[in-house]
Amino acid sequence: EGKRLTEYAISFLREAGEGEVLSIE
């Protein structure tokens, strides 16, 4: 809210499957 993305980048390192949990930092 109140933010407009102007640029972003994503690196895909290891695939994640159904049931796995990503710990976000």
PDBML (XML) file of the C-alpha atoms, coordinates in Angstrom:
<?xml version="1.0" encoding="UTF-8" ?>
<PDBx:datablock datablockName="MODEL"
   xmlns:PDBx="http://pdbml.pdb.org/schema/pdbx-v50.xsd"
   xmlns:xsi="http://www.w3.org/2001/XMLSchema-instance"
   xsi:schemaLocation="http://pdbml.pdb.org/schema/pdbx-v50.xsd pdbx-v50.xsd">
   <PDBx:atom_siteCategory>
      <PDBx:atom_site id="1">
         <PDBx:B_iso_or_equiv>0.00</PDBx:B_iso_or_equiv>
         <PDBx:Cartn_x>0.000</PDBx:Cartn_x>
         <PDBx:Cartn_y>0.000</PDBx:Cartn_y>
         <PDBx:Cartn_z>0.000</PDBx:Cartn_z>
         <PDBx:auth_asym_id>A</PDBx:auth_asym_id>
         <PDBx:auth_atom_id>CA</PDBx:auth_atom_id>
         <PDBx:auth_comp_id>GLU</PDBx:auth_comp_id>
         <PDBx:auth_seq_id>1</PDBx:auth_seq_id>
         <PDBx:group_PDB>ATOM</PDBx:group_PDB>
         <PDBx:label_alt_id xsi:nil="true" />
         <PDBx:label_asym_id>A</PDBx:label_asym_id>
         <PDBx:label_atom_id>CA</PDBx:label_atom_id>
         <PDBx:label_comp_id>GLU</PDBx:label_comp_id>
         <PDBx:label_entity_id>1</PDBx:label_entity_id>
         <PDBx:label_seq_id>1</PDBx:label_seq_id>
         <PDBx:occupancy>1.00</PDBx:occupancy>
         <PDBx:pdbx_PDB_model_num>1</PDBx:pdbx_PDB_model_num>
         <PDBx:type_symbol>C</PDBx:type_symbol>
      </PDBx:atom_site>
      <PDBx:atom_site id="2">
         <PDBx:B_iso_or_equiv>0.00</PDBx:B_iso_or_equiv>
         <PDBx:Cartn_x>1.354</PDBx:Cartn_x>
         <PDBx:Cartn_y>3.404</PDBx:Cartn_y>
         <PDBx:Cartn_z>-1.005</PDBx:Cartn_z>
         <PDBx:auth_asym_id>A</PDBx:auth_asym_id>
         <PDBx:auth_atom_id>CA</PDBx:auth_atom_id>
         <PDBx:auth_comp_id>GLY</PDBx:auth_comp_id>
         <PDBx:auth_seq_id>2</PDBx:auth_seq_id>
         <PDBx:group_PDB>ATOM</PDBx:group_PDB>
         <PDBx:label_alt_id xsi:nil="true" />
         <PDBx:label_asym_id>A</PDBx:label_asym_id>
         <PDBx:label_atom_id>CA</PDBx:label_atom_id>
         <PDBx:label_comp_id>GLY</PDBx:label_comp_id>
         <PDBx:label_entity_id>1</PDBx:label_entity_id>
         <PDBx:label_seq_id>2</PDBx:label_seq_id>
         <PDBx:occupancy>1.00</PDBx:occupancy>
         <PDBx:pdbx_PDB_model_num>1</PDBx:pdbx_PDB_model_num>
         <PDBx:type_symbol>C</PDBx:type_symbol>
      </PDBx:atom_site>
      <PDBx:atom_site id="3">
         <PDBx:B_iso_or_equiv>0.00</PDBx:B_iso_or_equiv>
         <PDBx:Cartn_x>4.236</PDBx:Cartn_x>
         <PDBx:Cartn_y>1.887</PDBx:Cartn_y>
         <PDBx:Cartn_z>-2.990</PDBx:Cartn_z>
         <PDBx:auth_asym_id>A</PDBx:auth_asym_id>
         <PDBx:auth_atom_id>CA</PDBx:auth_atom_id>
         <PDBx:auth_comp_id>LYS</PDBx:auth_comp_id>
         <PDBx:auth_seq_id>3</PDBx:auth_seq_id>
         <PDBx:group_PDB>ATOM</PDBx:group_PDB>
         <PDBx:label_alt_id xsi:nil="true" />
         <PDBx:label_asym_id>A</PDBx:label_asym_id>
         <PDBx:label_atom_id>CA</PDBx:label_atom_id>
         <PDBx:label_comp_id>LYS</PDBx:label_comp_id>
         <PDBx:label_entity_id>1</PDBx:label_entity_id>
         <PDBx:label_seq_id>3</PDBx:label_seq_id>
         <PDBx:occupancy>1.00</PDBx:occupancy>
         <PDBx:pdbx_PDB_model_num>1</PDBx:pdbx_PDB_model_num>
         <PDBx:type_symbol>C</PDBx:type_symbol>
      </PDBx:atom_site>
      <PDBx:atom_site id="4">
         <PDBx:B_iso_or_equiv>0.00</PDBx:B_iso_or_equiv>
         <PDBx:Cartn_x>4.801</PDBx:Cartn_x>
         <PDBx:Cartn_y>1.692</PDBx:Cartn_y>
         <PDBx:Cartn_z>-6.737</PDBx:Cartn_z>
         <PDBx:auth_asym_id>A</PDBx:auth_asym_id>
         <PDBx:auth_atom_id>CA</PDBx:auth_atom_id>
         <PDBx:auth_comp_id>ARG</PDBx:auth_comp_id>
         <PDBx:auth_seq_id>4</PDBx:auth_seq_id>
         <PDBx:group_PDB>ATOM</PDBx:group_PDB>
         <PDBx:label_alt_id xsi:nil="true" />
         <PDBx:label_asym_id>A</PDBx:label_asym_id>
         <PDBx:label_atom_id>CA</PDBx:label_atom_id>
         <PDBx:label_comp_id>ARG</PDBx:label_comp_id>
         <PDBx:label_entity_id>1</PDBx:label_entity_id>
         <PDBx:label_seq_id>4</PDBx:label_seq_id>
         <PDBx:occupancy>1.00</PDBx:occupancy>
         <PDBx:pdbx_PDB_model_num>1</PDBx:pdbx_PDB_model_num>
         <PDBx:type_symbol>C</PDBx:type_symbol>
      </PDBx:atom_site>
      <PDBx:atom_site id="5">
         <PDBx:B_iso_or_equiv>0.00</PDBx:B_iso_or_equiv>
         <PDBx:Cartn_x>7.335</PDBx:Cartn_x>
         <PDBx:Cartn_y>-0.827</PDBx:Cartn_y>
         <PDBx:Cartn_z>-7.999</PDBx:Cartn_z>
         <PDBx:auth_asym_id>A</PDBx:auth_asym_id>
         <PDBx:auth_atom_id>CA</PDBx:auth_atom_id>
         <PDBx:auth_comp_id>LEU</PDBx:auth_comp_id>
         <PDBx:auth_seq_id>5</PDBx:auth_seq_id>
         <PDBx:group_PDB>ATOM</PDBx:group_PDB>
         <PDBx:label_alt_id xsi:nil="true" />
         <PDBx:label_asym_id>A</PDBx:label_asym_id>
         <PDBx:label_atom_id>CA</PDBx:label_atom_id>
         <PDBx:label_comp_id>LEU</PDBx:label_comp_id>
         <PDBx:label_entity_id>1</PDBx:label_entity_id>
         <PDBx:label_seq_id>5</PDBx:label_seq_id>
         <PDBx:occupancy>1.00</PDBx:occupancy>
         <PDBx:pdbx_PDB_model_num>1</PDBx:pdbx_PDB_model_num>
         <PDBx:type_symbol>C</PDBx:type_symbol>
      </PDBx:atom_site>
      <PDBx:atom_site id="6">
         <PDBx:B_iso_or_equiv>0.00</PDBx:B_iso_or_equiv>
         <PDBx:Cartn_x>9.751</PDBx:Cartn_x>
         <PDBx:Cartn_y>0.723</PDBx:Cartn_y>
         <PDBx:Cartn_z>-10.484</PDBx:Cartn_z>
         <PDBx:auth_asym_id>A</PDBx:auth_asym_id>
         <PDBx:auth_atom_id>CA</PDBx:auth_atom_id>
         <PDBx:auth_comp_id>THR</PDBx:auth_comp_id>
         <PDBx:auth_seq_id>6</PDBx:auth_seq_id>
         <PDBx:group_PDB>ATOM</PDBx:group_PDB>
         <PDBx:label_alt_id xsi:nil="true" />
         <PDBx:label_asym_id>A</PDBx:label_asym_id>
         <PDBx:label_atom_id>CA</PDBx:label_atom_id>
         <PDBx:label_comp_id>THR</PDBx:label_comp_id>
         <PDBx:label_entity_id>1</PDBx:label_entity_id>
         <PDBx:label_seq_id>6</PDBx:label_seq_id>
         <PDBx:occupancy>1.00</PDBx:occupancy>
         <PDBx:pdbx_PDB_model_num>1</PDBx:pdbx_PDB_model_num>
         <PDBx:type_symbol>C</PDBx:type_symbol>
      </PDBx:atom_site>
      <PDBx:atom_site id="7">
         <PDBx:B_iso_or_equiv>0.00</PDBx:B_iso_or_equiv>
         <PDBx:Cartn_x>12.161</PDBx:Cartn_x>
         <PDBx:Cartn_y>-2.192</PDBx:Cartn_y>
         <PDBx:Cartn_z>-10.904</PDBx:Cartn_z>
         <PDBx:auth_asym_id>A</PDBx:auth_asym_id>
         <PDBx:auth_atom_id>CA</PDBx:auth_atom_id>
         <PDBx:auth_comp_id>GLU</PDBx:auth_comp_id>
         <PDBx:auth_seq_id>7</PDBx:auth_seq_id>
         <PDBx:group_PDB>ATOM</PDBx:group_PDB>
         <PDBx:label_alt_id xsi:nil="true" />
         <PDBx:label_asym_id>A</PDBx:label_asym_id>
         <PDBx:label_atom_id>CA</PDBx:label_atom_id>
         <PDBx:label_comp_id>GLU</PDBx:label_comp_id>
         <PDBx:label_entity_id>1</PDBx:label_entity_id>
         <PDBx:label_seq_id>7</PDBx:label_seq_id>
         <PDBx:occupancy>1.00</PDBx:occupancy>
         <PDBx:pdbx_PDB_model_num>1</PDBx:pdbx_PDB_model_num>
         <PDBx:type_symbol>C</PDBx:type_symbol>
      </PDBx:atom_site>
      <PDBx:atom_site id="8">
         <PDBx:B_iso_or_equiv>0.00</PDBx:B_iso_or_equiv>
         <PDBx:Cartn_x>12.574</PDBx:Cartn_x>
         <PDBx:Cartn_y>-5.749</PDBx:Cartn_y>
         <PDBx:Cartn_z>-9.663</PDBx:Cartn_z>
         <PDBx:auth_asym_id>A</PDBx:auth_asym_id>
         <PDBx:auth_atom_id>CA</PDBx:auth_atom_id>
         <PDBx:auth_comp_id>TYR</PDBx:auth_comp_id>
         <PDBx:auth_seq_id>8</PDBx:auth_seq_id>
         <PDBx:group_PDB>ATOM</PDBx:group_PDB>
         <PDBx:label_alt_id xsi:nil="true" />
         <PDBx:label_asym_id>A</PDBx:label_asym_id>
         <PDBx:label_atom_id>CA</PDBx:label_atom_id>
         <PDBx:label_comp_id>TYR</PDBx:label_comp_id>
         <PDBx:label_entity_id>1</PDBx:label_entity_id>
         <PDBx:label_seq_id>8</PDBx:label_seq_id>
         <PDBx:occupancy>1.00</PDBx:occupancy>
         <PDBx:pdbx_PDB_model_num>1</PDBx:pdbx_PDB_model_num>
         <PDBx:type_symbol>C</PDBx:type_symbol>
      </PDBx:atom_site>
      <PDBx:atom_site id="9">
         <PDBx:B_iso_or_equiv>0.00</PDBx:B_iso_or_equiv>
         <PDBx:Cartn_x>14.640</PDBx:Cartn_x>
         <PDBx:Cartn_y>-8.861</PDBx:Cartn_y>
         <PDBx:Cartn_z>-10.263</PDBx:Cartn_z>
         <PDBx:auth_asym_id>A</PDBx:auth_asym_id>
         <PDBx:auth_atom_id>CA</PDBx:auth_atom_id>
         <PDBx:auth_comp_id>ALA</PDBx:auth_comp_id>
         <PDBx:auth_seq_id>9</PDBx:auth_seq_id>
         <PDBx:group_PDB>ATOM</PDBx:group_PDB>
         <PDBx:label_alt_id xsi:nil="true" />
         <PDBx:label_asym_id>A</PDBx:label_asym_id>
         <PDBx:label_atom_id>CA</PDBx:label_atom_id>
         <PDBx:label_comp_id>ALA</PDBx:label_comp_id>
         <PDBx:label_entity_id>1</PDBx:label_entity_id>
         <PDBx:label_seq_id>9</PDBx:label_seq_id>
         <PDBx:occupancy>1.00</PDBx:occupancy>
         <PDBx:pdbx_PDB_model_num>1</PDBx:pdbx_PDB_model_num>
         <PDBx:type_symbol>C</PDBx:type_symbol>
      </PDBx:atom_site>
      <PDBx:atom_site id="10">
         <PDBx:B_iso_or_equiv>0.00</PDBx:B_iso_or_equiv>
         <PDBx:Cartn_x>14.194</PDBx:Cartn_x>
         <PDBx:Cartn_y>-12.511</PDBx:Cartn_y>
         <PDBx:Cartn_z>-9.288</PDBx:Cartn_z>
         <PDBx:auth_asym_id>A</PDBx:auth_asym_id>
         <PDBx:auth_atom_id>CA</PDBx:auth_atom_id>
         <PDBx:auth_comp_id>ILE</PDBx:auth_comp_id>
         <PDBx:auth_seq_id>10</PDBx:auth_seq_id>
         <PDBx:group_PDB>ATOM</PDBx:group_PDB>
         <PDBx:label_alt_id xsi:nil="true" />
         <PDBx:label_asym_id>A</PDBx:label_asym_id>
         <PDBx:label_atom_id>CA</PDBx:label_atom_id>
         <PDBx:label_comp_id>ILE</PDBx:label_comp_id>
         <PDBx:label_entity_id>1</PDBx:label_entity_id>
         <PDBx:label_seq_id>10</PDBx:label_seq_id>
         <PDBx:occupancy>1.00</PDBx:occupancy>
         <PDBx:pdbx_PDB_model_num>1</PDBx:pdbx_PDB_model_num>
         <PDBx:type_symbol>C</PDBx:type_symbol>
      </PDBx:atom_site>
      <PDBx:atom_site id="11">
         <PDBx:B_iso_or_equiv>0.00</PDBx:B_iso_or_equiv>
         <PDBx:Cartn_x>16.739</PDBx:Cartn_x>
         <PDBx:Cartn_y>-15.350</PDBx:Cartn_y>
         <PDBx:Cartn_z>-9.332</PDBx:Cartn_z>
         <PDBx:auth_asym_id>A</PDBx:auth_asym_id>
         <PDBx:auth_atom_id>CA</PDBx:auth_atom_id>
         <PDBx:auth_comp_id>SER</PDBx:auth_comp_id>
         <PDBx:auth_seq_id>11</PDBx:auth_seq_id>
         <PDBx:group_PDB>ATOM</PDBx:group_PDB>
         <PDBx:label_alt_id xsi:nil="true" />
         <PDBx:label_asym_id>A</PDBx:label_asym_id>
         <PDBx:label_atom_id>CA</PDBx:label_atom_id>
         <PDBx:label_comp_id>SER</PDBx:label_comp_id>
         <PDBx:label_entity_id>1</PDBx:label_entity_id>
         <PDBx:label_seq_id>11</PDBx:label_seq_id>
         <PDBx:occupancy>1.00</PDBx:occupancy>
         <PDBx:pdbx_PDB_model_num>1</PDBx:pdbx_PDB_model_num>
         <PDBx:type_symbol>C</PDBx:type_symbol>
      </PDBx:atom_site>
      <PDBx:atom_site id="12">
         <PDBx:B_iso_or_equiv>0.00</PDBx:B_iso_or_equiv>
         <PDBx:Cartn_x>15.280</PDBx:Cartn_x>
         <PDBx:Cartn_y>-18.876</PDBx:Cartn_y>
         <PDBx:Cartn_z>-9.413</PDBx:Cartn_z>
         <PDBx:auth_asym_id>A</PDBx:auth_asym_id>
         <PDBx:auth_atom_id>CA</PDBx:auth_atom_id>
         <PDBx:auth_comp_id>PHE</PDBx:auth_comp_id>
         <PDBx:auth_seq_id>12</PDBx:auth_seq_id>
         <PDBx:group_PDB>ATOM</PDBx:group_PDB>
         <PDBx:label_alt_id xsi:nil="true" />
         <PDBx:label_asym_id>A</PDBx:label_asym_id>
         <PDBx:label_atom_id>CA</PDBx:label_atom_id>
         <PDBx:label_comp_id>PHE</PDBx:label_comp_id>
         <PDBx:label_entity_id>1</PDBx:label_entity_id>
         <PDBx:label_seq_id>12</PDBx:label_seq_id>
         <PDBx:occupancy>1.00</PDBx:occupancy>
         <PDBx:pdbx_PDB_model_num>1</PDBx:pdbx_PDB_model_num>
         <PDBx:type_symbol>C</PDBx:type_symbol>
      </PDBx:atom_site>
      <PDBx:atom_site id="13">
         <PDBx:B_iso_or_equiv>0.00</PDBx:B_iso_or_equiv>
         <PDBx:Cartn_x>17.683</PDBx:Cartn_x>
         <PDBx:Cartn_y>-21.117</PDBx:Cartn_y>
         <PDBx:Cartn_z>-7.504</PDBx:Cartn_z>
         <PDBx:auth_asym_id>A</PDBx:auth_asym_id>
         <PDBx:auth_atom_id>CA</PDBx:auth_atom_id>
         <PDBx:auth_comp_id>LEU</PDBx:auth_comp_id>
         <PDBx:auth_seq_id>13</PDBx:auth_seq_id>
         <PDBx:group_PDB>ATOM</PDBx:group_PDB>
         <PDBx:label_alt_id xsi:nil="true" />
         <PDBx:label_asym_id>A</PDBx:label_asym_id>
         <PDBx:label_atom_id>CA</PDBx:label_atom_id>
         <PDBx:label_comp_id>LEU</PDBx:label_comp_id>
         <PDBx:label_entity_id>1</PDBx:label_entity_id>
         <PDBx:label_seq_id>13</PDBx:label_seq_id>
         <PDBx:occupancy>1.00</PDBx:occupancy>
         <PDBx:pdbx_PDB_model_num>1</PDBx:pdbx_PDB_model_num>
         <PDBx:type_symbol>C</PDBx:type_symbol>
      </PDBx:atom_site>
      <PDBx:atom_site id="14">
         <PDBx:B_iso_or_equiv>0.00</PDBx:B_iso_or_equiv>
         <PDBx:Cartn_x>15.914</PDBx:Cartn_x>
         <PDBx:Cartn_y>-24.369</PDBx:Cartn_y>
         <PDBx:Cartn_z>-6.522</PDBx:Cartn_z>
         <PDBx:auth_asym_id>A</PDBx:auth_asym_id>
         <PDBx:auth_atom_id>CA</PDBx:auth_atom_id>
         <PDBx:auth_comp_id>ARG</PDBx:auth_comp_id>
         <PDBx:auth_seq_id>14</PDBx:auth_seq_id>
         <PDBx:group_PDB>ATOM</PDBx:group_PDB>
         <PDBx:label_alt_id xsi:nil="true" />
         <PDBx:label_asym_id>A</PDBx:label_asym_id>
         <PDBx:label_atom_id>CA</PDBx:label_atom_id>
         <PDBx:label_comp_id>ARG</PDBx:label_comp_id>
         <PDBx:label_entity_id>1</PDBx:label_entity_id>
         <PDBx:label_seq_id>14</PDBx:label_seq_id>
         <PDBx:occupancy>1.00</PDBx:occupancy>
         <PDBx:pdbx_PDB_model_num>1</PDBx:pdbx_PDB_model_num>
         <PDBx:type_symbol>C</PDBx:type_symbol>
      </PDBx:atom_site>
      <PDBx:atom_site id="15">
         <PDBx:B_iso_or_equiv>0.00</PDBx:B_iso_or_equiv>
         <PDBx:Cartn_x>12.452</PDBx:Cartn_x>
         <PDBx:Cartn_y>-25.482</PDBx:Cartn_y>
         <PDBx:Cartn_z>-7.536</PDBx:Cartn_z>
         <PDBx:auth_asym_id>A</PDBx:auth_asym_id>
         <PDBx:auth_atom_id>CA</PDBx:auth_atom_id>
         <PDBx:auth_comp_id>GLU</PDBx:auth_comp_id>
         <PDBx:auth_seq_id>15</PDBx:auth_seq_id>
         <PDBx:group_PDB>ATOM</PDBx:group_PDB>
         <PDBx:label_alt_id xsi:nil="true" />
         <PDBx:label_asym_id>A</PDBx:label_asym_id>
         <PDBx:label_atom_id>CA</PDBx:label_atom_id>
         <PDBx:label_comp_id>GLU</PDBx:label_comp_id>
         <PDBx:label_entity_id>1</PDBx:label_entity_id>
         <PDBx:label_seq_id>15</PDBx:label_seq_id>
         <PDBx:occupancy>1.00</PDBx:occupancy>
         <PDBx:pdbx_PDB_model_num>1</PDBx:pdbx_PDB_model_num>
         <PDBx:type_symbol>C</PDBx:type_symbol>
      </PDBx:atom_site>
      <PDBx:atom_site id="16">
         <PDBx:B_iso_or_equiv>0.00</PDBx:B_iso_or_equiv>
         <PDBx:Cartn_x>9.827</PDBx:Cartn_x>
         <PDBx:Cartn_y>-25.835</PDBx:Cartn_y>
         <PDBx:Cartn_z>-4.797</PDBx:Cartn_z>
         <PDBx:auth_asym_id>A</PDBx:auth_asym_id>
         <PDBx:auth_atom_id>CA</PDBx:auth_atom_id>
         <PDBx:auth_comp_id>ALA</PDBx:auth_comp_id>
         <PDBx:auth_seq_id>16</PDBx:auth_seq_id>
         <PDBx:group_PDB>ATOM</PDBx:group_PDB>
         <PDBx:label_alt_id xsi:nil="true" />
         <PDBx:label_asym_id>A</PDBx:label_asym_id>
         <PDBx:label_atom_id>CA</PDBx:label_atom_id>
         <PDBx:label_comp_id>ALA</PDBx:label_comp_id>
         <PDBx:label_entity_id>1</PDBx:label_entity_id>
         <PDBx:label_seq_id>16</PDBx:label_seq_id>
         <PDBx:occupancy>1.00</PDBx:occupancy>
         <PDBx:pdbx_PDB_model_num>1</PDBx:pdbx_PDB_model_num>
         <PDBx:type_symbol>C</PDBx:type_symbol>
      </PDBx:atom_site>
      <PDBx:atom_site id="17">
         <PDBx:B_iso_or_equiv>0.00</PDBx:B_iso_or_equiv>
         <PDBx:Cartn_x>7.074</PDBx:Cartn_x>
         <PDBx:Cartn_y>-28.448</PDBx:Cartn_y>
         <PDBx:Cartn_z>-4.887</PDBx:Cartn_z>
         <PDBx:auth_asym_id>A</PDBx:auth_asym_id>
         <PDBx:auth_atom_id>CA</PDBx:auth_atom_id>
         <PDBx:auth_comp_id>GLY</PDBx:auth_comp_id>
         <PDBx:auth_seq_id>17</PDBx:auth_seq_id>
         <PDBx:group_PDB>ATOM</PDBx:group_PDB>
         <PDBx:label_alt_id xsi:nil="true" />
         <PDBx:label_asym_id>A</PDBx:label_asym_id>
         <PDBx:label_atom_id>CA</PDBx:label_atom_id>
         <PDBx:label_comp_id>GLY</PDBx:label_comp_id>
         <PDBx:label_entity_id>1</PDBx:label_entity_id>
         <PDBx:label_seq_id>17</PDBx:label_seq_id>
         <PDBx:occupancy>1.00</PDBx:occupancy>
         <PDBx:pdbx_PDB_model_num>1</PDBx:pdbx_PDB_model_num>
         <PDBx:type_symbol>C</PDBx:type_symbol>
      </PDBx:atom_site>
      <PDBx:atom_site id="18">
         <PDBx:B_iso_or_equiv>0.00</PDBx:B_iso_or_equiv>
         <PDBx:Cartn_x>3.633</PDBx:Cartn_x>
         <PDBx:Cartn_y>-28.724</PDBx:Cartn_y>
         <PDBx:Cartn_z>-3.353</PDBx:Cartn_z>
         <PDBx:auth_asym_id>A</PDBx:auth_asym_id>
         <PDBx:auth_atom_id>CA</PDBx:auth_atom_id>
         <PDBx:auth_comp_id>GLU</PDBx:auth_comp_id>
         <PDBx:auth_seq_id>18</PDBx:auth_seq_id>
         <PDBx:group_PDB>ATOM</PDBx:group_PDB>
         <PDBx:label_alt_id xsi:nil="true" />
         <PDBx:label_asym_id>A</PDBx:label_asym_id>
         <PDBx:label_atom_id>CA</PDBx:label_atom_id>
         <PDBx:label_comp_id>GLU</PDBx:label_comp_id>
         <PDBx:label_entity_id>1</PDBx:label_entity_id>
         <PDBx:label_seq_id>18</PDBx:label_seq_id>
         <PDBx:occupancy>1.00</PDBx:occupancy>
         <PDBx:pdbx_PDB_model_num>1</PDBx:pdbx_PDB_model_num>
         <PDBx:type_symbol>C</PDBx:type_symbol>
      </PDBx:atom_site>
      <PDBx:atom_site id="19">
         <PDBx:B_iso_or_equiv>0.00</PDBx:B_iso_or_equiv>
         <PDBx:Cartn_x>3.814</PDBx:Cartn_x>
         <PDBx:Cartn_y>-29.121</PDBx:Cartn_y>
         <PDBx:Cartn_z>0.419</PDBx:Cartn_z>
         <PDBx:auth_asym_id>A</PDBx:auth_asym_id>
         <PDBx:auth_atom_id>CA</PDBx:auth_atom_id>
         <PDBx:auth_comp_id>GLY</PDBx:auth_comp_id>
         <PDBx:auth_seq_id>19</PDBx:auth_seq_id>
         <PDBx:group_PDB>ATOM</PDBx:group_PDB>
         <PDBx:label_alt_id xsi:nil="true" />
         <PDBx:label_asym_id>A</PDBx:label_asym_id>
         <PDBx:label_atom_id>CA</PDBx:label_atom_id>
         <PDBx:label_comp_id>GLY</PDBx:label_comp_id>
         <PDBx:label_entity_id>1</PDBx:label_entity_id>
         <PDBx:label_seq_id>19</PDBx:label_seq_id>
         <PDBx:occupancy>1.00</PDBx:occupancy>
         <PDBx:pdbx_PDB_model_num>1</PDBx:pdbx_PDB_model_num>
         <PDBx:type_symbol>C</PDBx:type_symbol>
      </PDBx:atom_site>
      <PDBx:atom_site id="20">
         <PDBx:B_iso_or_equiv>0.00</PDBx:B_iso_or_equiv>
         <PDBx:Cartn_x>7.213</PDBx:Cartn_x>
         <PDBx:Cartn_y>-27.469</PDBx:Cartn_y>
         <PDBx:Cartn_z>0.793</PDBx:Cartn_z>
         <PDBx:auth_asym_id>A</PDBx:auth_asym_id>
         <PDBx:auth_atom_id>CA</PDBx:auth_atom_id>
         <PDBx:auth_comp_id>GLU</PDBx:auth_comp_id>
         <PDBx:auth_seq_id>20</PDBx:auth_seq_id>
         <PDBx:group_PDB>ATOM</PDBx:group_PDB>
         <PDBx:label_alt_id xsi:nil="true" />
         <PDBx:label_asym_id>A</PDBx:label_asym_id>
         <PDBx:label_atom_id>CA</PDBx:label_atom_id>
         <PDBx:label_comp_id>GLU</PDBx:label_comp_id>
         <PDBx:label_entity_id>1</PDBx:label_entity_id>
         <PDBx:label_seq_id>20</PDBx:label_seq_id>
         <PDBx:occupancy>1.00</PDBx:occupancy>
         <PDBx:pdbx_PDB_model_num>1</PDBx:pdbx_PDB_model_num>
         <PDBx:type_symbol>C</PDBx:type_symbol>
      </PDBx:atom_site>
      <PDBx:atom_site id="21">
         <PDBx:B_iso_or_equiv>0.00</PDBx:B_iso_or_equiv>
         <PDBx:Cartn_x>7.451</PDBx:Cartn_x>
         <PDBx:Cartn_y>-24.310</PDBx:Cartn_y>
         <PDBx:Cartn_z>2.874</PDBx:Cartn_z>
         <PDBx:auth_asym_id>A</PDBx:auth_asym_id>
         <PDBx:auth_atom_id>CA</PDBx:auth_atom_id>
         <PDBx:auth_comp_id>VAL</PDBx:auth_comp_id>
         <PDBx:auth_seq_id>21</PDBx:auth_seq_id>
         <PDBx:group_PDB>ATOM</PDBx:group_PDB>
         <PDBx:label_alt_id xsi:nil="true" />
         <PDBx:label_asym_id>A</PDBx:label_asym_id>
         <PDBx:label_atom_id>CA</PDBx:label_atom_id>
         <PDBx:label_comp_id>VAL</PDBx:label_comp_id>
         <PDBx:label_entity_id>1</PDBx:label_entity_id>
         <PDBx:label_seq_id>21</PDBx:label_seq_id>
         <PDBx:occupancy>1.00</PDBx:occupancy>
         <PDBx:pdbx_PDB_model_num>1</PDBx:pdbx_PDB_model_num>
         <PDBx:type_symbol>C</PDBx:type_symbol>
      </PDBx:atom_site>
      <PDBx:atom_site id="22">
         <PDBx:B_iso_or_equiv>0.00</PDBx:B_iso_or_equiv>
         <PDBx:Cartn_x>9.488</PDBx:Cartn_x>
         <PDBx:Cartn_y>-21.253</PDBx:Cartn_y>
         <PDBx:Cartn_z>1.965</PDBx:Cartn_z>
         <PDBx:auth_asym_id>A</PDBx:auth_asym_id>
         <PDBx:auth_atom_id>CA</PDBx:auth_atom_id>
         <PDBx:auth_comp_id>LEU</PDBx:auth_comp_id>
         <PDBx:auth_seq_id>22</PDBx:auth_seq_id>
         <PDBx:group_PDB>ATOM</PDBx:group_PDB>
         <PDBx:label_alt_id xsi:nil="true" />
         <PDBx:label_asym_id>A</PDBx:label_asym_id>
         <PDBx:label_atom_id>CA</PDBx:label_atom_id>
         <PDBx:label_comp_id>LEU</PDBx:label_comp_id>
         <PDBx:label_entity_id>1</PDBx:label_entity_id>
         <PDBx:label_seq_id>22</PDBx:label_seq_id>
         <PDBx:occupancy>1.00</PDBx:occupancy>
         <PDBx:pdbx_PDB_model_num>1</PDBx:pdbx_PDB_model_num>
         <PDBx:type_symbol>C</PDBx:type_symbol>
      </PDBx:atom_site>
      <PDBx:atom_site id="23">
         <PDBx:B_iso_or_equiv>0.00</PDBx:B_iso_or_equiv>
         <PDBx:Cartn_x>10.944</PDBx:Cartn_x>
         <PDBx:Cartn_y>-19.334</PDBx:Cartn_y>
         <PDBx:Cartn_z>4.902</PDBx:Cartn_z>
         <PDBx:auth_asym_id>A</PDBx:auth_asym_id>
         <PDBx:auth_atom_id>CA</PDBx:auth_atom_id>
         <PDBx:auth_comp_id>SER</PDBx:auth_comp_id>
         <PDBx:auth_seq_id>23</PDBx:auth_seq_id>
         <PDBx:group_PDB>ATOM</PDBx:group_PDB>
         <PDBx:label_alt_id xsi:nil="true" />
         <PDBx:label_asym_id>A</PDBx:label_asym_id>
         <PDBx:label_atom_id>CA</PDBx:label_atom_id>
         <PDBx:label_comp_id>SER</PDBx:label_comp_id>
         <PDBx:label_entity_id>1</PDBx:label_entity_id>
         <PDBx:label_seq_id>23</PDBx:label_seq_id>
         <PDBx:occupancy>1.00</PDBx:occupancy>
         <PDBx:pdbx_PDB_model_num>1</PDBx:pdbx_PDB_model_num>
         <PDBx:type_symbol>C</PDBx:type_symbol>
      </PDBx:atom_site>
      <PDBx:atom_site id="24">
         <PDBx:B_iso_or_equiv>0.00</PDBx:B_iso_or_equiv>
         <PDBx:Cartn_x>11.024</PDBx:Cartn_x>
         <PDBx:Cartn_y>-15.701</PDBx:Cartn_y>
         <PDBx:Cartn_z>3.793</PDBx:Cartn_z>
         <PDBx:auth_asym_id>A</PDBx:auth_asym_id>
         <PDBx:auth_atom_id>CA</PDBx:auth_atom_id>
         <PDBx:auth_comp_id>ILE</PDBx:auth_comp_id>
         <PDBx:auth_seq_id>24</PDBx:auth_seq_id>
         <PDBx:group_PDB>ATOM</PDBx:group_PDB>
         <PDBx:label_alt_id xsi:nil="true" />
         <PDBx:label_asym_id>A</PDBx:label_asym_id>
         <PDBx:label_atom_id>CA</PDBx:label_atom_id>
         <PDBx:label_comp_id>ILE</PDBx:label_comp_id>
         <PDBx:label_entity_id>1</PDBx:label_entity_id>
         <PDBx:label_seq_id>24</PDBx:label_seq_id>
         <PDBx:occupancy>1.00</PDBx:occupancy>
         <PDBx:pdbx_PDB_model_num>1</PDBx:pdbx_PDB_model_num>
         <PDBx:type_symbol>C</PDBx:type_symbol>
      </PDBx:atom_site>
      <PDBx:atom_site id="25">
         <PDBx:B_iso_or_equiv>0.00</PDBx:B_iso_or_equiv>
         <PDBx:Cartn_x>13.713</PDBx:Cartn_x>
         <PDBx:Cartn_y>-13.252</PDBx:Cartn_y>
         <PDBx:Cartn_z>4.925</PDBx:Cartn_z>
         <PDBx:auth_asym_id>A</PDBx:auth_asym_id>
         <PDBx:auth_atom_id>CA</PDBx:auth_atom_id>
         <PDBx:auth_comp_id>GLU</PDBx:auth_comp_id>
         <PDBx:auth_seq_id>25</PDBx:auth_seq_id>
         <PDBx:group_PDB>ATOM</PDBx:group_PDB>
         <PDBx:label_alt_id xsi:nil="true" />
         <PDBx:label_asym_id>A</PDBx:label_asym_id>
         <PDBx:label_atom_id>CA</PDBx:label_atom_id>
         <PDBx:label_comp_id>GLU</PDBx:label_comp_id>
         <PDBx:label_entity_id>1</PDBx:label_entity_id>
         <PDBx:label_seq_id>25</PDBx:label_seq_id>
         <PDBx:occupancy>1.00</PDBx:occupancy>
         <PDBx:pdbx_PDB_model_num>1</PDBx:pdbx_PDB_model_num>
         <PDBx:type_symbol>C</PDBx:type_symbol>
      </PDBx:atom_site>
   </PDBx:atom_siteCategory>
</PDBx:datablock>
